[in-house]
Amino acid sequence: MALAALLGRRWLVLGWNAWRYDTAGATARTQVVVDGDRAYLAAGREGIEIVDLGTGARVALVPPAAPADRIDDVAVADGLLFALD
């Protein structure tokens, strides 16, 4: 058991640190991507917030599609918006 703990020490430390790692709140804006005059923000449980960069006003708040329960990351490629849960 001691040998296994010694050999797996790095994995144990990694697991301990990951368990204690701070995470974003349920409504925190964690990622942003800009495409033209719009910014798309990952808004956690609220979904995707779309902001007009010219005025700074919110254009829309799109809820996550089932079965996703939150949006943690957004990206734009080839004219498409991608969102990760």
PDB file of N, CA and C in Angstrom:
ATOM      1  N   MET A   1       0.833  -1.191   0.000  1.00  0.00           N
ATOM      2  CA  MET A   1       0.000   0.000   0.000  1.00  0.00           C
ATOM      3  C   MET A   1       0.873   1.249   0.000  1.00  0.00           C
ATOM      4  N   ALA A   2       1.933   1.224   0.803  1.00  0.00           N
ATOM      5  CA  ALA A   2       2.831   2.378   0.863  1.00  0.00           C
ATOM      6  C   ALA A   2       3.519   2.588  -0.479  1.00  0.00           C
ATOM      7  N   LEU A   3       3.909   1.508  -1.149  1.00  0.00           N
ATOM      8  CA  LEU A   3       4.551   1.615  -2.454  1.00  0.00           C
ATOM      9  C   LEU A   3       3.584   2.194  -3.479  1.00  0.00           C
ATOM     10  N   ALA A   4       2.350   1.752  -3.449  1.00  0.00           N
ATOM     11  CA  ALA A   4       1.342   2.281  -4.373  1.00  0.00           C
ATOM     12  C   ALA A   4       1.099   3.766  -4.116  1.00  0.00           C
ATOM     13  N   ALA A   5       1.049   4.166  -2.859  1.00  0.00           N
ATOM     14  CA  ALA A   5       0.859   5.579  -2.522  1.00  0.00           C
ATOM     15  C   ALA A   5       2.054   6.413  -2.975  1.00  0.00           C
ATOM     16  N   LEU A   6       3.239   5.866  -2.805  1.00  0.00           N
ATOM     17  CA  LEU A   6       4.445   6.584  -3.216  1.00  0.00           C
ATOM     18  C   LEU A   6       4.489   6.754  -4.730  1.00  0.00           C
ATOM     19  N   LEU A   7       4.182   5.680  -5.461  1.00  0.00           N
ATOM     20  CA  LEU A   7       4.194   5.744  -6.923  1.00  0.00           C
ATOM     21  C   LEU A   7       3.046   6.593  -7.471  1.00  0.00           C
ATOM     22  N   GLY A   8       1.944   6.628  -6.782  1.00  0.00           N
ATOM     23  CA  GLY A   8       0.784   7.393  -7.245  1.00  0.00           C
ATOM     24  C   GLY A   8       0.662   8.753  -6.601  1.00  0.00           C
ATOM     25  N   ARG A   9       1.715   9.214  -5.920  1.00  0.00           N
ATOM     26  CA  ARG A   9       1.660  10.480  -5.197  1.00  0.00           C
ATOM     27  C   ARG A   9       1.228  11.643  -6.087  1.00  0.00           C
ATOM     28  N   ARG A  10       1.809  11.738  -7.278  1.00  0.00           N
ATOM     29  CA  ARG A  10       1.457  12.857  -8.162  1.00  0.00           C
ATOM     30  C   ARG A  10      -0.024  12.839  -8.523  1.00  0.00           C
ATOM     31  N   TRP A  11      -0.582  11.653  -8.745  1.00  0.00           N
ATOM     32  CA  TRP A  11      -1.998  11.558  -9.064  1.00  0.00           C
ATOM     33  C   TRP A  11      -2.858  11.929  -7.860  1.00  0.00           C
ATOM     34  N   LEU A  12      -2.424  11.549  -6.689  1.00  0.00           N
ATOM     35  CA  LEU A  12      -3.156  11.913  -5.475  1.00  0.00           C
ATOM     36  C   LEU A  12      -3.142  13.426  -5.267  1.00  0.00           C
ATOM     37  N   VAL A  13      -1.990  14.053  -5.479  1.00  0.00           N
ATOM     38  CA  VAL A  13      -1.884  15.502  -5.334  1.00  0.00           C
ATOM     39  C   VAL A  13      -2.741  16.201  -6.378  1.00  0.00           C
ATOM     40  N   LEU A  14      -2.708  15.706  -7.622  1.00  0.00           N
ATOM     41  CA  LEU A  14      -3.531  16.287  -8.685  1.00  0.00           C
ATOM     42  C   LEU A  14      -5.011  16.187  -8.333  1.00  0.00           C
ATOM     43  N   GLY A  15      -5.447  15.033  -7.859  1.00  0.00           N
ATOM     44  CA  GLY A  15      -6.842  14.852  -7.471  1.00  0.00           C
ATOM     45  C   GLY A  15      -7.244  15.761  -6.328  1.00  0.00           C
ATOM     46  N   TRP A  16      -6.384  15.886  -5.332  1.00  0.00           N
ATOM     47  CA  TRP A  16      -6.669  16.759  -4.191  1.00  0.00           C
ATOM     48  C   TRP A  16      -6.806  18.215  -4.637  1.00  0.00           C
ATOM     49  N   ASN A  17      -5.893  18.681  -5.475  1.00  0.00           N
ATOM     50  CA  ASN A  17      -5.944  20.063  -5.948  1.00  0.00           C
ATOM     51  C   ASN A  17      -7.150  20.301  -6.851  1.00  0.00           C
ATOM     52  N   ALA A  18      -7.507  19.337  -7.681  1.00  0.00           N
ATOM     53  CA  ALA A  18      -8.682  19.487  -8.547  1.00  0.00           C
ATOM     54  C   ALA A  18      -9.958  19.553  -7.718  1.00  0.00           C
ATOM     55  N   TRP A  19     -10.023  18.775  -6.646  1.00  0.00           N
ATOM     56  CA  TRP A  19     -11.204  18.770  -5.783  1.00  0.00           C
ATOM     57  C   TRP A  19     -11.398  20.118  -5.112  1.00  0.00           C
ATOM     58  N   ARG A  20     -10.303  20.787  -4.755  1.00  0.00           N
ATOM     59  CA  ARG A  20     -10.377  22.067  -4.051  1.00  0.00           C
ATOM     60  C   ARG A  20     -10.375  23.267  -4.989  1.00  0.00           C
ATOM     61  N   TYR A  21     -10.260  23.065  -6.298  1.00  0.00           N
ATOM     62  CA  TYR A  21     -10.129  24.153  -7.266  1.00  0.00           C
ATOM     63  C   TYR A  21     -11.413  24.970  -7.345  1.00  0.00           C
ATOM     64  N   ASP A  22     -11.268  26.282  -7.334  1.00  0.00           N
ATOM     65  CA  ASP A  22     -12.432  27.159  -7.449  1.00  0.00           C
ATOM     66  C   ASP A  22     -13.070  27.013  -8.829  1.00  0.00           C
ATOM     67  N   THR A  23     -14.378  27.034  -8.870  1.00  0.00           N
ATOM     68  CA  THR A  23     -15.105  26.972 -10.130  1.00  0.00           C
ATOM     69  C   THR A  23     -15.952  28.228 -10.277  1.00  0.00           C
ATOM     70  N   ALA A  24     -16.367  28.487 -11.501  1.00  0.00           N
ATOM     71  CA  ALA A  24     -17.179  29.667 -11.777  1.00  0.00           C
ATOM     72  C   ALA A  24     -18.575  29.480 -11.203  1.00  0.00           C
ATOM     73  N   GLY A  25     -19.178  30.571 -10.821  1.00  0.00           N
ATOM     74  CA  GLY A  25     -20.545  30.542 -10.311  1.00  0.00           C
ATOM     75  C   GLY A  25     -21.537  30.196 -11.405  1.00  0.00           C
ATOM     76  N   ALA A  26     -22.749  29.893 -11.012  1.00  0.00           N
ATOM     77  CA  ALA A  26     -23.778  29.432 -11.946  1.00  0.00           C
ATOM     78  C   ALA A  26     -24.131  30.459 -13.018  1.00  0.00           C
ATOM     79  N   THR A  27     -23.961  31.744 -12.722  1.00  0.00           N
ATOM     80  CA  THR A  27     -24.308  32.776 -13.697  1.00  0.00           C
ATOM     81  C   THR A  27     -23.098  33.603 -14.137  1.00  0.00           C
ATOM     82  N   ALA A  28     -21.901  33.134 -13.819  1.00  0.00           N
ATOM     83  CA  ALA A  28     -20.680  33.864 -14.189  1.00  0.00           C
ATOM     84  C   ALA A  28     -20.487  33.854 -15.701  1.00  0.00           C
ATOM     85  N   ARG A  29     -19.989  34.963 -16.224  1.00  0.00           N
ATOM     86  CA  ARG A  29     -19.636  35.050 -17.647  1.00  0.00           C
ATOM     87  C   ARG A  29     -18.188  34.591 -17.752  1.00  0.00           C
ATOM     88  N   THR A  30     -17.973  33.382 -18.311  1.00  0.00           N
ATOM     89  CA  THR A  30     -16.652  32.769 -18.256  1.00  0.00           C
ATOM     90  C   THR A  30     -15.867  32.863 -19.544  1.00  0.00           C
ATOM     91  N   GLN A  31     -16.506  32.914 -20.683  1.00  0.00           N
ATOM     92  CA  GLN A  31     -15.835  32.967 -21.975  1.00  0.00           C
ATOM     93  C   GLN A  31     -16.548  33.988 -22.844  1.00  0.00           C
ATOM     94  N   VAL A  32     -15.783  34.600 -23.766  1.00  0.00           N
ATOM     95  CA  VAL A  32     -16.382  35.531 -24.714  1.00  0.00           C
ATOM     96  C   VAL A  32     -15.730  35.328 -26.070  1.00  0.00           C
ATOM     97  N   VAL A  33     -16.541  35.459 -27.112  1.00  0.00           N
ATOM     98  CA  VAL A  33     -16.033  35.419 -28.475  1.00  0.00           C
ATOM     99  C   VAL A  33     -16.708  36.563 -29.236  1.00  0.00           C
ATOM    100  N   VAL A  34     -15.922  37.247 -30.058  1.00  0.00           N
ATOM    101  CA  VAL A  34     -16.434  38.385 -30.814  1.00  0.00           C
ATOM    102  C   VAL A  34     -16.498  37.992 -32.281  1.00  0.00           C
ATOM    103  N   ASP A  35     -17.642  38.286 -32.906  1.00  0.00           N
ATOM    104  CA  ASP A  35     -17.836  38.033 -34.328  1.00  0.00           C
ATOM    105  C   ASP A  35     -18.548  39.240 -34.916  1.00  0.00           C
ATOM    106  N   GLY A  36     -17.809  40.050 -35.662  1.00  0.00           N
ATOM    107  CA  GLY A  36     -18.387  41.268 -36.222  1.00  0.00           C
ATOM    108  C   GLY A  36     -18.704  42.268 -35.135  1.00  0.00           C
ATOM    109  N   ASP A  37     -19.952  42.722 -35.106  1.00  0.00           N
ATOM    110  CA  ASP A  37     -20.365  43.713 -34.110  1.00  0.00           C
ATOM    111  C   ASP A  37     -21.090  43.088 -32.923  1.00  0.00           C
ATOM    112  N   ARG A  38     -20.977  41.774 -32.769  1.00  0.00           N
ATOM    113  CA  ARG A  38     -21.624  41.076 -31.669  1.00  0.00           C
ATOM    114  C   ARG A  38     -20.605  40.328 -30.819  1.00  0.00           C
ATOM    115  N   ALA A  39     -20.874  40.265 -29.527  1.00  0.00           N
ATOM    116  CA  ALA A  39     -20.076  39.452 -28.601  1.00  0.00           C
ATOM    117  C   ALA A  39     -21.002  38.378 -28.037  1.00  0.00           C
ATOM    118  N   TYR A  40     -20.486  37.171 -27.954  1.00  0.00           N
ATOM    119  CA  TYR A  40     -21.233  36.039 -27.416  1.00  0.00           C
ATOM    120  C   TYR A  40     -20.541  35.601 -26.131  1.00  0.00           C
ATOM    121  N   LEU A  41     -21.267  35.614 -25.040  1.00  0.00           N
ATOM    122  CA  LEU A  41     -20.694  35.286 -23.741  1.00  0.00           C
ATOM    123  C   LEU A  41     -21.296  34.001 -23.199  1.00  0.00           C
ATOM    124  N   ALA A  42     -20.440  33.106 -22.714  1.00  0.00           N
ATOM    125  CA  ALA A  42     -20.919  31.913 -22.015  1.00  0.00           C
ATOM    126  C   ALA A  42     -21.432  32.383 -20.656  1.00  0.00           C
ATOM    127  N   ALA A  43     -22.717  32.178 -20.414  1.00  0.00           N
ATOM    128  CA  ALA A  43     -23.361  32.729 -19.226  1.00  0.00           C
ATOM    129  C   ALA A  43     -23.826  31.662 -18.250  1.00  0.00           C
ATOM    130  N   GLY A  44     -23.141  30.534 -18.196  1.00  0.00           N
ATOM    131  CA  GLY A  44     -23.479  29.494 -17.228  1.00  0.00           C
ATOM    132  C   GLY A  44     -24.879  28.952 -17.415  1.00  0.00           C
ATOM    133  N   ARG A  45     -25.641  28.887 -16.333  1.00  0.00           N
ATOM    134  CA  ARG A  45     -27.004  28.331 -16.389  1.00  0.00           C
ATOM    135  C   ARG A  45     -27.951  29.189 -17.210  1.00  0.00           C
ATOM    136  N   GLU A  46     -27.612  30.453 -17.399  1.00  0.00           N
ATOM    137  CA  GLU A  46     -28.478  31.330 -18.187  1.00  0.00           C
ATOM    138  C   GLU A  46     -28.351  31.072 -19.683  1.00  0.00           C
ATOM    139  N   GLY A  47     -27.250  30.446 -20.133  1.00  0.00           N
ATOM    140  CA  GLY A  47     -27.087  30.111 -21.546  1.00  0.00           C
ATOM    141  C   GLY A  47     -26.025  30.947 -22.227  1.00  0.00           C
ATOM    142  N   ILE A  48     -26.410  31.621 -23.311  1.00  0.00           N
ATOM    143  CA  ILE A  48     -25.500  32.472 -24.073  1.00  0.00           C
ATOM    144  C   ILE A  48     -26.061  33.886 -24.104  1.00  0.00           C
ATOM    145  N   GLU A  49     -25.268  34.832 -23.673  1.00  0.00           N
ATOM    146  CA  GLU A  49     -25.669  36.234 -23.727  1.00  0.00           C
ATOM    147  C   GLU A  49     -25.071  36.853 -24.985  1.00  0.00           C
ATOM    148  N   ILE A  50     -25.904  37.524 -25.768  1.00  0.00           N
ATOM    149  CA  ILE A  50     -25.460  38.177 -26.998  1.00  0.00           C
ATOM    150  C   ILE A  50     -25.507  39.680 -26.767  1.00  0.00           C
ATOM    151  N   VAL A  51     -24.369  40.347 -27.012  1.00  0.00           N
ATOM    152  CA  VAL A  51     -24.246  41.781 -26.741  1.00  0.00           C
ATOM    153  C   VAL A  51     -23.855  42.508 -28.018  1.00  0.00           C
ATOM    154  N   ASP A  52     -24.529  43.627 -28.300  1.00  0.00           N
ATOM    155  CA  ASP A  52     -24.170  44.500 -29.415  1.00  0.00           C
ATOM    156  C   ASP A  52     -22.991  45.354 -28.972  1.00  0.00           C
ATOM    157  N   LEU A  53     -21.866  45.248 -29.673  1.00  0.00           N
ATOM    158  CA  LEU A  53     -20.665  45.972 -29.257  1.00  0.00           C
ATOM    159  C   LEU A  53     -20.760  47.470 -29.515  1.00  0.00           C
ATOM    160  N   GLY A  54     -21.594  47.882 -30.443  1.00  0.00           N
ATOM    161  CA  GLY A  54     -21.757  49.307 -30.718  1.00  0.00           C
ATOM    162  C   GLY A  54     -22.448  50.059 -29.599  1.00  0.00           C
ATOM    163  N   THR A  55     -23.442  49.434 -29.006  1.00  0.00           N
ATOM    164  CA  THR A  55     -24.216  50.095 -27.961  1.00  0.00           C
ATOM    165  C   THR A  55     -23.923  49.536 -26.568  1.00  0.00           C
ATOM    166  N   GLY A  56     -23.383  48.323 -26.504  1.00  0.00           N
ATOM    167  CA  GLY A  56     -23.145  47.674 -25.220  1.00  0.00           C
ATOM    168  C   GLY A  56     -24.394  47.058 -24.624  1.00  0.00           C
ATOM    169  N   ALA A  57     -25.478  47.060 -25.393  1.00  0.00           N
ATOM    170  CA  ALA A  57     -26.750  46.525 -24.905  1.00  0.00           C
ATOM    171  C   ALA A  57     -26.865  45.038 -25.186  1.00  0.00           C
ATOM    172  N   ARG A  58     -27.577  44.357 -24.293  1.00  0.00           N
ATOM    173  CA  ARG A  58     -27.865  42.937 -24.494  1.00  0.00           C
ATOM    174  C   ARG A  58     -28.897  42.804 -25.603  1.00  0.00           C
ATOM    175  N   VAL A  59     -28.581  41.993 -26.593  1.00  0.00           N
ATOM    176  CA  VAL A  59     -29.494  41.730 -27.701  1.00  0.00           C
ATOM    177  C   VAL A  59     -30.412  40.561 -27.365  1.00  0.00           C
ATOM    178  N   ALA A  60     -29.819  39.514 -26.774  1.00  0.00           N
ATOM    179  CA  ALA A  60     -30.607  38.328 -26.439  1.00  0.00           C
ATOM    180  C   ALA A  60     -29.903  37.520 -25.360  1.00  0.00           C
ATOM    181  N   LEU A  61     -30.662  36.680 -24.713  1.00  0.00           N
ATOM    182  CA  LEU A  61     -30.144  35.700 -23.768  1.00  0.00           C
ATOM    183  C   LEU A  61     -30.767  34.366 -24.170  1.00  0.00           C
ATOM    184  N   VAL A  62     -29.948  33.486 -24.748  1.00  0.00           N
ATOM    185  CA  VAL A  62     -30.427  32.217 -25.283  1.00  0.00           C
ATOM    186  C   VAL A  62     -30.182  31.114 -24.251  1.00  0.00           C
ATOM    187  N   PRO A  63     -31.239  30.474 -23.750  1.00  0.00           N
ATOM    188  CA  PRO A  63     -31.048  29.421 -22.748  1.00  0.00           C
ATOM    189  C   PRO A  63     -30.377  28.196 -23.355  1.00  0.00           C
ATOM    190  N   PRO A  64     -29.699  27.395 -22.537  1.00  0.00           N
ATOM    191  CA  PRO A  64     -29.071  26.184 -23.070  1.00  0.00           C
ATOM    192  C   PRO A  64     -30.121  25.182 -23.548  1.00  0.00           C
ATOM    193  N   ALA A  65     -29.813  24.512 -24.650  1.00  0.00           N
ATOM    194  CA  ALA A  65     -30.725  23.499 -25.190  1.00  0.00           C
ATOM    195  C   ALA A  65     -30.547  22.194 -24.401  1.00  0.00           C
ATOM    196  N   ALA A  66     -31.650  21.505 -24.147  1.00  0.00           N
ATOM    197  CA  ALA A  66     -31.583  20.222 -23.431  1.00  0.00           C
ATOM    198  C   ALA A  66     -30.765  19.226 -24.252  1.00  0.00           C
ATOM    199  N   PRO A  67     -29.986  18.402 -23.661  1.00  0.00           N
ATOM    200  CA  PRO A  67     -29.871  18.092 -22.245  1.00  0.00           C
ATOM    201  C   PRO A  67     -28.842  18.948 -21.511  1.00  0.00           C
ATOM    202  N   ALA A  68     -28.258  19.945 -22.162  1.00  0.00           N
ATOM    203  CA  ALA A  68     -27.277  20.804 -21.494  1.00  0.00           C
ATOM    204  C   ALA A  68     -27.959  21.575 -20.367  1.00  0.00           C
ATOM    205  N   ASP A  69     -27.235  21.772 -19.270  1.00  0.00           N
ATOM    206  CA  ASP A  69     -27.799  22.527 -18.160  1.00  0.00           C
ATOM    207  C   ASP A  69     -27.083  23.854 -17.965  1.00  0.00           C
ATOM    208  N   ARG A  70     -26.004  24.083 -18.737  1.00  0.00           N
ATOM    209  CA  ARG A  70     -25.260  25.344 -18.648  1.00  0.00           C
ATOM    210  C   ARG A  70     -24.350  25.450 -19.857  1.00  0.00           C
ATOM    211  N   ILE A  71     -23.880  26.646 -20.131  1.00  0.00           N
ATOM    212  CA  ILE A  71     -22.919  26.880 -21.206  1.00  0.00           C
ATOM    213  C   ILE A  71     -21.640  27.394 -20.566  1.00  0.00           C
ATOM    214  N   ASP A  72     -20.553  26.655 -20.779  1.00  0.00           N
ATOM    215  CA  ASP A  72     -19.273  26.992 -20.168  1.00  0.00           C
ATOM    216  C   ASP A  72     -18.260  27.575 -21.136  1.00  0.00           C
ATOM    217  N   ASP A  73     -18.452  27.370 -22.448  1.00  0.00           N
ATOM    218  CA  ASP A  73     -17.473  27.816 -23.423  1.00  0.00           C
ATOM    219  C   ASP A  73     -18.177  28.092 -24.738  1.00  0.00           C
ATOM    220  N   VAL A  74     -17.726  29.123 -25.447  1.00  0.00           N
ATOM    221  CA  VAL A  74     -18.270  29.452 -26.757  1.00  0.00           C
ATOM    222  C   VAL A  74     -17.129  29.667 -27.743  1.00  0.00           C
ATOM    223  N   ALA A  75     -17.414  29.413 -29.022  1.00  0.00           N
ATOM    224  CA  ALA A  75     -16.437  29.624 -30.089  1.00  0.00           C
ATOM    225  C   ALA A  75     -17.192  29.898 -31.382  1.00  0.00           C
ATOM    226  N   VAL A  76     -16.547  30.633 -32.291  1.00  0.00           N
ATOM    227  CA  VAL A  76     -17.112  30.887 -33.617  1.00  0.00           C
ATOM    228  C   VAL A  76     -16.133  30.355 -34.644  1.00  0.00           C
ATOM    229  N   ALA A  77     -16.657  29.574 -35.600  1.00  0.00           N
ATOM    230  CA  ALA A  77     -15.836  29.050 -36.692  1.00  0.00           C
ATOM    231  C   ALA A  77     -16.726  28.872 -37.918  1.00  0.00           C
ATOM    232  N   ASP A  78     -16.239  29.325 -39.059  1.00  0.00           N
ATOM    233  CA  ASP A  78     -16.967  29.184 -40.328  1.00  0.00           C
ATOM    234  C   ASP A  78     -18.388  29.728 -40.251  1.00  0.00           C
ATOM    235  N   GLY A  79     -18.577  30.813 -39.536  1.00  0.00           N
ATOM    236  CA  GLY A  79     -19.885  31.430 -39.425  1.00  0.00           C
ATOM    237  C   GLY A  79     -20.845  30.747 -38.480  1.00  0.00           C
ATOM    238  N   LEU A  80     -20.392  29.739 -37.751  1.00  0.00           N
ATOM    239  CA  LEU A  80     -21.233  29.009 -36.800  1.00  0.00           C
ATOM    240  C   LEU A  80     -20.795  29.299 -35.370  1.00  0.00           C
ATOM    241  N   LEU A  81     -21.759  29.365 -34.467  1.00  0.00           N
ATOM    242  CA  LEU A  81     -21.479  29.544 -33.044  1.00  0.00           C
ATOM    243  C   LEU A  81     -21.544  28.176 -32.366  1.00  0.00           C
ATOM    244  N   PHE A  82     -20.487  27.819 -31.661  1.00  0.00           N
ATOM    245  CA  PHE A  82     -20.428  26.550 -30.939  1.00  0.00           C
ATOM    246  C   PHE A  82     -20.457  26.832 -29.443  1.00  0.00           C
ATOM    247  N   ALA A  83     -21.182  26.006 -28.718  1.00  0.00           N
ATOM    248  CA  ALA A  83     -21.277  26.148 -27.266  1.00  0.00           C
ATOM    249  C   ALA A  83     -21.031  24.797 -26.612  1.00  0.00           C
ATOM    250  N   LEU A  84     -20.269  24.810 -25.520  1.00  0.00           N
ATOM    251  CA  LEU A  84     -19.980  23.582 -24.785  1.00  0.00           C
ATOM    252  C   LEU A  84     -20.600  23.635 -23.404  1.00  0.00           C
ATOM    253  N   ASP A  85     -21.137  22.500 -22.991  1.00  0.00           N
ATOM    254  CA  ASP A  85     -21.695  22.334 -21.658  1.00  0.00           C
ATOM    255  C   ASP A  85     -20.611  21.781 -20.760  1.00  0.00           C
TER     256      ASP A  85
END
